All heavy atoms as atom14 arrays in JSON, in Angstrom:
{
  "sequence": "IVIILIVFGIMALQGQSDLSFVPALTSVMVFMSTFSYDEYNKFDA",
  "atom14_mask": [
    [1, 1, 1, 1, 1, 1, 1, 1, 0, 0, 0, 0, 0, 0],
    [1, 1, 1, 1, 1, 1, 1, 0, 0, 0, 0, 0, 0, 0],
    [1, 1, 1, 1, 1, 1, 1, 1, 0, 0, 0, 0, 0, 0],
    [1, 1, 1, 1, 1, 1, 1, 1, 0, 0, 0, 0, 0, 0],
    [1, 1, 1, 1, 1, 1, 1, 1, 0, 0, 0, 0, 0, 0],
    [1, 1, 1, 1, 1, 1, 1, 1, 0, 0, 0, 0, 0, 0],
    [1, 1, 1, 1, 1, 1, 1, 0, 0, 0, 0, 0, 0, 0],
    [1, 1, 1, 1, 1, 1, 1, 1, 1, 1, 1, 0, 0, 0],
    [1, 1, 1, 1, 0, 0, 0, 0, 0, 0, 0, 0, 0, 0],
    [1, 1, 1, 1, 1, 1, 1, 1, 0, 0, 0, 0, 0, 0],
    [1, 1, 1, 1, 1, 1, 1, 1, 0, 0, 0, 0, 0, 0],
    [1, 1, 1, 1, 1, 0, 0, 0, 0, 0, 0, 0, 0, 0],
    [1, 1, 1, 1, 1, 1, 1, 1, 0, 0, 0, 0, 0, 0],
    [1, 1, 1, 1, 1, 1, 1, 1, 1, 0, 0, 0, 0, 0],
    [1, 1, 1, 1, 0, 0, 0, 0, 0, 0, 0, 0, 0, 0],
    [1, 1, 1, 1, 1, 1, 1, 1, 1, 0, 0, 0, 0, 0],
    [1, 1, 1, 1, 1, 1, 0, 0, 0, 0, 0, 0, 0, 0],
    [1, 1, 1, 1, 1, 1, 1, 1, 0, 0, 0, 0, 0, 0],
    [1, 1, 1, 1, 1, 1, 1, 1, 0, 0, 0, 0, 0, 0],
    [1, 1, 1, 1, 1, 1, 0, 0, 0, 0, 0, 0, 0, 0],
    [1, 1, 1, 1, 1, 1, 1, 1, 1, 1, 1, 0, 0, 0],
    [1, 1, 1, 1, 1, 1, 1, 0, 0, 0, 0, 0, 0, 0],
    [1, 1, 1, 1, 1, 1, 1, 0, 0, 0, 0, 0, 0, 0],
    [1, 1, 1, 1, 1, 0, 0, 0, 0, 0, 0, 0, 0, 0],
    [1, 1, 1, 1, 1, 1, 1, 1, 0, 0, 0, 0, 0, 0],
    [1, 1, 1, 1, 1, 1, 1, 0, 0, 0, 0, 0, 0, 0],
    [1, 1, 1, 1, 1, 1, 0, 0, 0, 0, 0, 0, 0, 0],
    [1, 1, 1, 1, 1, 1, 1, 0, 0, 0, 0, 0, 0, 0],
    [1, 1, 1, 1, 1, 1, 1, 1, 0, 0, 0, 0, 0, 0],
    [1, 1, 1, 1, 1, 1, 1, 0, 0, 0, 0, 0, 0, 0],
    [1, 1, 1, 1, 1, 1, 1, 1, 1, 1, 1, 0, 0, 0],
    [1, 1, 1, 1, 1, 1, 1, 1, 0, 0, 0, 0, 0, 0],
    [1, 1, 1, 1, 1, 1, 0, 0, 0, 0, 0, 0, 0, 0],
    [1, 1, 1, 1, 1, 1, 1, 0, 0, 0, 0, 0, 0, 0],
    [1, 1, 1, 1, 1, 1, 1, 1, 1, 1, 1, 0, 0, 0],
    [1, 1, 1, 1, 1, 1, 0, 0, 0, 0, 0, 0, 0, 0],
    [1, 1, 1, 1, 1, 1, 1, 1, 1, 1, 1, 1, 0, 0],
    [1, 1, 1, 1, 1, 1, 1, 1, 0, 0, 0, 0, 0, 0],
    [1, 1, 1, 1, 1, 1, 1, 1, 1, 0, 0, 0, 0, 0],
    [1, 1, 1, 1, 1, 1, 1, 1, 1, 1, 1, 1, 0, 0],
    [1, 1, 1, 1, 1, 1, 1, 1, 0, 0, 0, 0, 0, 0],
    [1, 1, 1, 1, 1, 1, 1, 1, 1, 0, 0, 0, 0, 0],
    [1, 1, 1, 1, 1, 1, 1, 1, 1, 1, 1, 0, 0, 0],
    [1, 1, 1, 1, 1, 1, 1, 1, 0, 0, 0, 0, 0, 0],
    [1, 1, 1, 1, 1, 0, 0, 0, 0, 0, 0, 0, 0, 0]
  ],
  "atom14_positions": [
    [[97.14, 7.1, -92.78], [96.0, 8.0, -92.93], [94.86, 7.29, -93.7], [93.69, 7.4, -93.31], [96.4, 9.26, -93.7], [97.52, 9.94, -92.98], [95.22, 10.18, -93.92], [98.05, 11.19, -93.73], [0.0, 0.0, 0.0], [0.0, 0.0, 0.0], [0.0, 0.0, 0.0], [0.0, 0.0, 0.0], [0.0, 0.0, 0.0], [0.0, 0.0, 0.0]],
    [[95.18, 6.47, -94.7], [94.15, 5.78, -95.5], [93.46, 4.72, -94.61], [92.19, 4.67, -94.64], [94.84, 5.1, -96.7], [93.74, 4.14, -97.38], [95.32, 6.07, -97.66], [0.0, 0.0, 0.0], [0.0, 0.0, 0.0], [0.0, 0.0, 0.0], [0.0, 0.0, 0.0], [0.0, 0.0, 0.0], [0.0, 0.0, 0.0], [0.0, 0.0, 0.0]],
    [[94.21, 4.0, -93.77], [93.6, 3.05, -92.94], [92.65, 3.69, -91.89], [91.51, 3.18, -91.68], [94.67, 2.24, -92.15], [95.42, 1.33, -93.18], [94.07, 1.36, -91.05], [96.67, 0.63, -92.58], [0.0, 0.0, 0.0], [0.0, 0.0, 0.0], [0.0, 0.0, 0.0], [0.0, 0.0, 0.0], [0.0, 0.0, 0.0], [0.0, 0.0, 0.0]],
    [[93.11, 4.77, -91.35], [92.24, 5.48, -90.37], [91.06, 6.07, -91.04], [89.97, 6.01, -90.48], [93.12, 6.65, -89.74], [94.17, 6.08, -88.82], [92.19, 7.54, -88.94], [95.13, 7.06, -88.2], [0.0, 0.0, 0.0], [0.0, 0.0, 0.0], [0.0, 0.0, 0.0], [0.0, 0.0, 0.0], [0.0, 0.0, 0.0], [0.0, 0.0, 0.0]],
    [[91.16, 6.56, -92.25], [90.06, 7.09, -93.04], [89.03, 6.01, -93.3], [87.83, 6.18, -93.15], [90.5, 7.71, -94.29], [89.44, 8.38, -95.18], [88.84, 9.58, -94.5], [90.02, 8.83, -96.54], [0.0, 0.0, 0.0], [0.0, 0.0, 0.0], [0.0, 0.0, 0.0], [0.0, 0.0, 0.0], [0.0, 0.0, 0.0], [0.0, 0.0, 0.0]],
    [[89.48, 4.8, -93.65], [88.6, 3.64, -93.91], [87.87, 3.2, -92.66], [86.65, 3.04, -92.64], [89.39, 2.52, -94.53], [89.87, 2.85, -95.94], [88.54, 1.2, -94.61], [90.84, 1.82, -96.51], [0.0, 0.0, 0.0], [0.0, 0.0, 0.0], [0.0, 0.0, 0.0], [0.0, 0.0, 0.0], [0.0, 0.0, 0.0], [0.0, 0.0, 0.0]],
    [[88.68, 3.11, -91.54], [88.1, 2.62, -90.27], [87.01, 3.58, -89.75], [85.91, 3.15, -89.45], [89.18, 2.48, -89.2], [88.52, 2.22, -87.8], [90.11, 1.32, -89.57], [0.0, 0.0, 0.0], [0.0, 0.0, 0.0], [0.0, 0.0, 0.0], [0.0, 0.0, 0.0], [0.0, 0.0, 0.0], [0.0, 0.0, 0.0], [0.0, 0.0, 0.0]],
    [[87.35, 4.87, -89.75], [86.39, 5.84, -89.28], [85.27, 6.03, -90.29], [84.12, 6.42, -89.87], [87.07, 7.16, -88.94], [87.68, 7.22, -87.57], [88.95, 6.66, -87.37], [87.04, 7.71, -86.46], [89.58, 6.72, -86.16], [87.61, 7.75, -85.22], [88.87, 7.26, -85.05], [0.0, 0.0, 0.0], [0.0, 0.0, 0.0], [0.0, 0.0, 0.0]],
    [[85.54, 5.83, -91.59], [84.47, 5.87, -92.52], [83.4, 4.81, -92.29], [82.19, 5.05, -92.35], [0.0, 0.0, 0.0], [0.0, 0.0, 0.0], [0.0, 0.0, 0.0], [0.0, 0.0, 0.0], [0.0, 0.0, 0.0], [0.0, 0.0, 0.0], [0.0, 0.0, 0.0], [0.0, 0.0, 0.0], [0.0, 0.0, 0.0], [0.0, 0.0, 0.0]],
    [[83.88, 3.57, -92.0], [82.92, 2.48, -91.65], [82.16, 2.84, -90.47], [80.94, 2.54, -90.33], [83.72, 1.15, -91.54], [84.37, 0.8, -92.93], [82.8, 0.08, -91.05], [85.31, -0.41, -92.81], [0.0, 0.0, 0.0], [0.0, 0.0, 0.0], [0.0, 0.0, 0.0], [0.0, 0.0, 0.0], [0.0, 0.0, 0.0], [0.0, 0.0, 0.0]],
    [[82.87, 3.38, -89.44], [82.18, 3.69, -88.16], [81.12, 4.75, -88.4], [80.05, 4.76, -87.75], [83.22, 4.09, -87.14], [84.1, 3.0, -86.67], [85.41, 3.52, -85.56], [84.48, 4.03, -84.09], [0.0, 0.0, 0.0], [0.0, 0.0, 0.0], [0.0, 0.0, 0.0], [0.0, 0.0, 0.0], [0.0, 0.0, 0.0], [0.0, 0.0, 0.0]],
    [[81.51, 5.76, -89.3], [80.51, 6.8, -89.54], [79.32, 6.29, -90.28], [78.21, 6.71, -90.04], [81.23, 7.9, -90.42], [0.0, 0.0, 0.0], [0.0, 0.0, 0.0], [0.0, 0.0, 0.0], [0.0, 0.0, 0.0], [0.0, 0.0, 0.0], [0.0, 0.0, 0.0], [0.0, 0.0, 0.0], [0.0, 0.0, 0.0], [0.0, 0.0, 0.0]],
    [[79.48, 5.32, -91.17], [78.37, 4.7, -91.9], [77.46, 3.99, -90.89], [76.2, 4.02, -91.12], [78.87, 3.69, -92.9], [79.27, 4.22, -94.26], [79.91, 3.18, -95.08], [78.08, 4.82, -95.0], [0.0, 0.0, 0.0], [0.0, 0.0, 0.0], [0.0, 0.0, 0.0], [0.0, 0.0, 0.0], [0.0, 0.0, 0.0], [0.0, 0.0, 0.0]],
    [[77.98, 3.5, -89.84], [77.19, 2.82, -88.82], [76.72, 3.76, -87.73], [76.01, 3.29, -86.81], [78.08, 1.68, -88.17], [78.49, 0.58, -89.16], [79.42, -0.41, -88.52], [79.96, -0.18, -87.44], [79.55, -1.53, -89.21], [0.0, 0.0, 0.0], [0.0, 0.0, 0.0], [0.0, 0.0, 0.0], [0.0, 0.0, 0.0], [0.0, 0.0, 0.0]],
    [[77.07, 5.0, -87.87], [76.6, 6.03, -86.89], [77.31, 5.98, -85.57], [76.83, 6.54, -84.61], [0.0, 0.0, 0.0], [0.0, 0.0, 0.0], [0.0, 0.0, 0.0], [0.0, 0.0, 0.0], [0.0, 0.0, 0.0], [0.0, 0.0, 0.0], [0.0, 0.0, 0.0], [0.0, 0.0, 0.0], [0.0, 0.0, 0.0], [0.0, 0.0, 0.0]],
    [[78.53, 5.41, -85.55], [79.19, 5.21, -84.34], [80.29, 6.31, -84.13], [80.92, 6.41, -83.0], [79.88, 3.85, -84.24], [78.87, 2.7, -84.28], [79.53, 1.36, -84.26], [80.75, 1.28, -84.28], [78.74, 0.28, -84.32], [0.0, 0.0, 0.0], [0.0, 0.0, 0.0], [0.0, 0.0, 0.0], [0.0, 0.0, 0.0], [0.0, 0.0, 0.0]],
    [[80.57, 7.06, -85.14], [81.67, 8.0, -85.04], [81.51, 9.14, -86.07], [80.75, 8.98, -87.05], [83.03, 7.32, -85.22], [84.12, 8.23, -85.25], [0.0, 0.0, 0.0], [0.0, 0.0, 0.0], [0.0, 0.0, 0.0], [0.0, 0.0, 0.0], [0.0, 0.0, 0.0], [0.0, 0.0, 0.0], [0.0, 0.0, 0.0], [0.0, 0.0, 0.0]],
    [[82.22, 10.26, -85.82], [82.28, 11.34, -86.84], [83.66, 11.3, -87.53], [84.66, 11.19, -86.9], [82.13, 12.67, -86.03], [81.93, 13.85, -87.03], [82.24, 13.71, -88.22], [81.4, 14.87, -86.6], [0.0, 0.0, 0.0], [0.0, 0.0, 0.0], [0.0, 0.0, 0.0], [0.0, 0.0, 0.0], [0.0, 0.0, 0.0], [0.0, 0.0, 0.0]],
    [[83.57, 11.36, -88.87], [84.75, 11.22, -89.69], [85.62, 12.48, -89.72], [86.82, 12.39, -90.01], [84.32, 10.88, -91.08], [85.38, 10.63, -92.2], [86.2, 9.39, -91.81], [84.75, 10.46, -93.52], [0.0, 0.0, 0.0], [0.0, 0.0, 0.0], [0.0, 0.0, 0.0], [0.0, 0.0, 0.0], [0.0, 0.0, 0.0], [0.0, 0.0, 0.0]],
    [[85.1, 13.63, -89.37], [85.65, 14.92, -89.71], [87.11, 15.17, -89.34], [87.95, 15.47, -90.15], [84.83, 16.04, -89.13], [83.46, 15.91, -89.45], [0.0, 0.0, 0.0], [0.0, 0.0, 0.0], [0.0, 0.0, 0.0], [0.0, 0.0, 0.0], [0.0, 0.0, 0.0], [0.0, 0.0, 0.0], [0.0, 0.0, 0.0], [0.0, 0.0, 0.0]],
    [[87.44, 15.05, -88.02], [88.69, 15.58, -87.54], [89.92, 14.58, -87.59], [91.01, 14.99, -87.76], [88.54, 16.07, -86.12], [87.8, 17.39, -86.03], [86.43, 17.42, -85.95], [88.48, 18.6, -86.04], [85.74, 18.61, -85.94], [87.82, 19.83, -85.95], [86.44, 19.79, -85.87], [0.0, 0.0, 0.0], [0.0, 0.0, 0.0], [0.0, 0.0, 0.0]],
    [[89.57, 13.32, -87.47], [90.65, 12.36, -87.26], [91.69, 12.31, -88.33], [92.92, 12.37, -88.08], [90.06, 10.97, -86.97], [91.21, 9.92, -86.82], [89.18, 11.01, -85.75], [0.0, 0.0, 0.0], [0.0, 0.0, 0.0], [0.0, 0.0, 0.0], [0.0, 0.0, 0.0], [0.0, 0.0, 0.0], [0.0, 0.0, 0.0], [0.0, 0.0, 0.0]],
    [[91.32, 12.17, -89.7], [92.35, 12.0, -90.74], [93.33, 13.19, -90.84], [94.5, 13.03, -90.99], [91.48, 11.91, -92.0], [90.21, 11.32, -91.54], [90.0, 11.94, -90.21], [0.0, 0.0, 0.0], [0.0, 0.0, 0.0], [0.0, 0.0, 0.0], [0.0, 0.0, 0.0], [0.0, 0.0, 0.0], [0.0, 0.0, 0.0], [0.0, 0.0, 0.0]],
    [[92.76, 14.4, -90.75], [93.64, 15.66, -90.85], [94.53, 15.75, -89.67], [95.74, 16.07, -89.8], [92.73, 16.89, -91.0], [0.0, 0.0, 0.0], [0.0, 0.0, 0.0], [0.0, 0.0, 0.0], [0.0, 0.0, 0.0], [0.0, 0.0, 0.0], [0.0, 0.0, 0.0], [0.0, 0.0, 0.0], [0.0, 0.0, 0.0], [0.0, 0.0, 0.0]],
    [[94.04, 15.52, -88.45], [94.88, 15.57, -87.26], [95.98, 14.46, -87.34], [97.14, 14.68, -86.88], [94.13, 15.5, -86.01], [93.21, 16.64, -85.65], [92.28, 16.37, -84.52], [94.1, 17.87, -85.36], [0.0, 0.0, 0.0], [0.0, 0.0, 0.0], [0.0, 0.0, 0.0], [0.0, 0.0, 0.0], [0.0, 0.0, 0.0], [0.0, 0.0, 0.0]],
    [[95.58, 13.35, -87.92], [96.59, 12.23, -88.03], [97.65, 12.7, -89.04], [98.86, 12.37, -88.86], [95.89, 10.93, -88.56], [94.85, 10.56, -87.62], [96.91, 9.82, -88.67], [0.0, 0.0, 0.0], [0.0, 0.0, 0.0], [0.0, 0.0, 0.0], [0.0, 0.0, 0.0], [0.0, 0.0, 0.0], [0.0, 0.0, 0.0], [0.0, 0.0, 0.0]],
    [[97.24, 13.38, -90.1], [98.27, 13.83, -91.09], [99.25, 14.78, -90.46], [100.44, 14.76, -90.89], [97.52, 14.5, -92.28], [97.02, 15.77, -91.85], [0.0, 0.0, 0.0], [0.0, 0.0, 0.0], [0.0, 0.0, 0.0], [0.0, 0.0, 0.0], [0.0, 0.0, 0.0], [0.0, 0.0, 0.0], [0.0, 0.0, 0.0], [0.0, 0.0, 0.0]],
    [[98.84, 15.61, -89.5], [99.79, 16.52, -88.79], [100.77, 15.63, -88.03], [101.99, 15.94, -88.03], [99.02, 17.43, -87.89], [100.04, 18.3, -87.09], [98.13, 18.37, -88.69], [0.0, 0.0, 0.0], [0.0, 0.0, 0.0], [0.0, 0.0, 0.0], [0.0, 0.0, 0.0], [0.0, 0.0, 0.0], [0.0, 0.0, 0.0], [0.0, 0.0, 0.0]],
    [[100.28, 14.61, -87.35], [101.16, 13.79, -86.57], [102.16, 12.99, -87.48], [103.35, 12.88, -87.15], [100.4, 12.79, -85.75], [99.47, 13.45, -84.7], [100.42, 14.37, -83.41], [100.06, 16.09, -83.98], [0.0, 0.0, 0.0], [0.0, 0.0, 0.0], [0.0, 0.0, 0.0], [0.0, 0.0, 0.0], [0.0, 0.0, 0.0], [0.0, 0.0, 0.0]],
    [[101.63, 12.53, -88.64], [102.5, 11.83, -89.6], [103.56, 12.77, -90.15], [104.69, 12.36, -90.34], [101.59, 11.28, -90.73], [102.5, 10.75, -91.93], [100.74, 10.12, -90.25], [0.0, 0.0, 0.0], [0.0, 0.0, 0.0], [0.0, 0.0, 0.0], [0.0, 0.0, 0.0], [0.0, 0.0, 0.0], [0.0, 0.0, 0.0], [0.0, 0.0, 0.0]],
    [[103.17, 14.01, -90.35], [104.2, 14.98, -90.87], [105.32, 15.21, -89.96], [106.45, 15.57, -90.41], [103.49, 16.3, -91.26], [104.35, 17.3, -91.97], [104.6, 17.11, -93.33], [105.05, 18.32, -91.31], [105.42, 17.97, -94.04], [105.88, 19.12, -91.99], [106.05, 18.99, -93.35], [0.0, 0.0, 0.0], [0.0, 0.0, 0.0], [0.0, 0.0, 0.0]],
    [[105.08, 14.99, -88.66], [106.19, 15.15, -87.69], [107.31, 14.2, -87.95], [108.48, 14.48, -87.61], [105.66, 14.9, -86.26], [104.6, 15.83, -85.74], [105.14, 17.53, -85.71], [104.19, 18.2, -87.08], [0.0, 0.0, 0.0], [0.0, 0.0, 0.0], [0.0, 0.0, 0.0], [0.0, 0.0, 0.0], [0.0, 0.0, 0.0], [0.0, 0.0, 0.0]],
    [[107.03, 13.07, -88.72], [108.11, 12.18, -89.02], [109.18, 12.75, -89.93], [110.33, 12.31, -89.95], [107.49, 10.91, -89.71], [106.89, 11.23, -90.95], [0.0, 0.0, 0.0], [0.0, 0.0, 0.0], [0.0, 0.0, 0.0], [0.0, 0.0, 0.0], [0.0, 0.0, 0.0], [0.0, 0.0, 0.0], [0.0, 0.0, 0.0], [0.0, 0.0, 0.0]],
    [[108.79, 13.82, -90.7], [109.8, 14.45, -91.65], [110.91, 15.12, -90.8], [112.02, 15.15, -91.2], [109.14, 15.49, -92.51], [108.58, 16.54, -91.78], [108.06, 14.84, -93.36], [0.0, 0.0, 0.0], [0.0, 0.0, 0.0], [0.0, 0.0, 0.0], [0.0, 0.0, 0.0], [0.0, 0.0, 0.0], [0.0, 0.0, 0.0], [0.0, 0.0, 0.0]],
    [[110.51, 15.69, -89.63], [111.52, 16.25, -88.76], [112.42, 15.16, -88.14], [113.65, 15.45, -88.07], [110.79, 17.0, -87.56], [110.15, 18.26, -87.97], [108.81, 18.34, -88.25], [110.89, 19.46, -88.02], [108.18, 19.53, -88.61], [110.26, 20.68, -88.38], [108.94, 20.7, -88.63], [0.0, 0.0, 0.0], [0.0, 0.0, 0.0], [0.0, 0.0, 0.0]],
    [[111.85, 14.05, -87.85], [112.65, 12.91, -87.33], [113.65, 12.42, -88.36], [114.81, 12.17, -88.04], [111.75, 11.78, -86.89], [110.87, 12.23, -85.87], [0.0, 0.0, 0.0], [0.0, 0.0, 0.0], [0.0, 0.0, 0.0], [0.0, 0.0, 0.0], [0.0, 0.0, 0.0], [0.0, 0.0, 0.0], [0.0, 0.0, 0.0], [0.0, 0.0, 0.0]],
    [[113.16, 12.26, -89.6], [114.09, 11.82, -90.65], [115.19, 12.84, -90.92], [116.4, 12.41, -91.0], [113.25, 11.67, -92.03], [112.31, 10.45, -91.94], [111.05, 10.55, -92.6], [112.72, 9.23, -91.46], [110.18, 9.49, -92.57], [111.81, 8.15, -91.43], [110.58, 8.31, -91.99], [109.7, 7.23, -92.0], [0.0, 0.0, 0.0], [0.0, 0.0, 0.0]],
    [[114.85, 14.13, -90.93], [115.85, 15.13, -91.16], [116.88, 15.12, -89.99], [118.13, 15.28, -90.2], [115.19, 16.56, -91.21], [114.44, 16.7, -92.5], [114.58, 15.95, -93.42], [113.66, 17.68, -92.56], [0.0, 0.0, 0.0], [0.0, 0.0, 0.0], [0.0, 0.0, 0.0], [0.0, 0.0, 0.0], [0.0, 0.0, 0.0], [0.0, 0.0, 0.0]],
    [[116.41, 14.93, -88.74], [117.29, 14.91, -87.64], [118.18, 13.74, -87.62], [119.38, 13.83, -87.38], [116.45, 14.98, -86.39], [117.13, 15.28, -85.12], [116.23, 15.43, -83.91], [115.61, 16.5, -83.81], [116.14, 14.48, -83.1], [0.0, 0.0, 0.0], [0.0, 0.0, 0.0], [0.0, 0.0, 0.0], [0.0, 0.0, 0.0], [0.0, 0.0, 0.0]],
    [[117.64, 12.58, -87.98], [118.38, 11.33, -87.99], [119.49, 11.34, -89.04], [120.61, 10.89, -88.82], [117.44, 10.18, -88.19], [118.11, 8.83, -88.31], [118.61, 8.17, -87.19], [118.39, 8.21, -89.52], [119.28, 6.96, -87.19], [119.05, 7.0, -89.65], [119.52, 6.36, -88.5], [120.14, 5.15, -88.57], [0.0, 0.0, 0.0], [0.0, 0.0, 0.0]],
    [[119.13, 11.93, -90.22], [120.04, 11.91, -91.35], [120.95, 13.2, -91.37], [121.71, 13.43, -92.34], [119.38, 11.78, -92.66], [118.68, 10.45, -92.84], [119.35, 9.47, -92.96], [117.4, 10.44, -92.86], [0.0, 0.0, 0.0], [0.0, 0.0, 0.0], [0.0, 0.0, 0.0], [0.0, 0.0, 0.0], [0.0, 0.0, 0.0], [0.0, 0.0, 0.0]],
    [[120.78, 14.03, -90.34], [121.53, 15.31, -90.26], [121.41, 16.14, -91.52], [122.3, 16.74, -92.06], [123.02, 15.05, -89.94], [123.24, 14.21, -88.68], [124.65, 14.11, -88.37], [124.87, 13.18, -87.16], [124.15, 13.58, -85.97], [0.0, 0.0, 0.0], [0.0, 0.0, 0.0], [0.0, 0.0, 0.0], [0.0, 0.0, 0.0], [0.0, 0.0, 0.0]],
    [[120.18, 16.2, -91.99], [119.87, 16.9, -93.23], [119.98, 18.43, -93.12], [120.39, 19.07, -94.04], [118.43, 16.59, -93.75], [118.02, 17.28, -94.97], [118.52, 16.91, -96.23], [117.17, 18.37, -94.88], [118.12, 17.56, -97.39], [116.85, 19.09, -96.03], [117.3, 18.67, -97.27], [0.0, 0.0, 0.0], [0.0, 0.0, 0.0], [0.0, 0.0, 0.0]],
    [[119.68, 18.95, -91.94], [119.71, 20.42, -91.72], [121.09, 21.0, -92.0], [121.2, 22.08, -92.56], [119.25, 20.73, -90.3], [117.76, 20.41, -90.07], [116.93, 21.24, -90.37], [117.56, 19.25, -89.58], [0.0, 0.0, 0.0], [0.0, 0.0, 0.0], [0.0, 0.0, 0.0], [0.0, 0.0, 0.0], [0.0, 0.0, 0.0], [0.0, 0.0, 0.0]],
    [[122.15, 20.27, -91.62], [123.5, 20.76, -91.76], [123.77, 20.95, -93.3], [124.46, 21.93, -93.68], [124.47, 19.8, -91.19], [0.0, 0.0, 0.0], [0.0, 0.0, 0.0], [0.0, 0.0, 0.0], [0.0, 0.0, 0.0], [0.0, 0.0, 0.0], [0.0, 0.0, 0.0], [0.0, 0.0, 0.0], [0.0, 0.0, 0.0], [0.0, 0.0, 0.0]]
  ]
}
């Protein structure tokens, strides 16, 4: 998320992109990994 924020922040400074949506939507995708970890480690049981 930090890397994406920095990259899109630089692009926004140059007027090439909008910073608004990408980091938060990325955070949702990153959060999906918690389900994968739980599933792999059989945490739900």
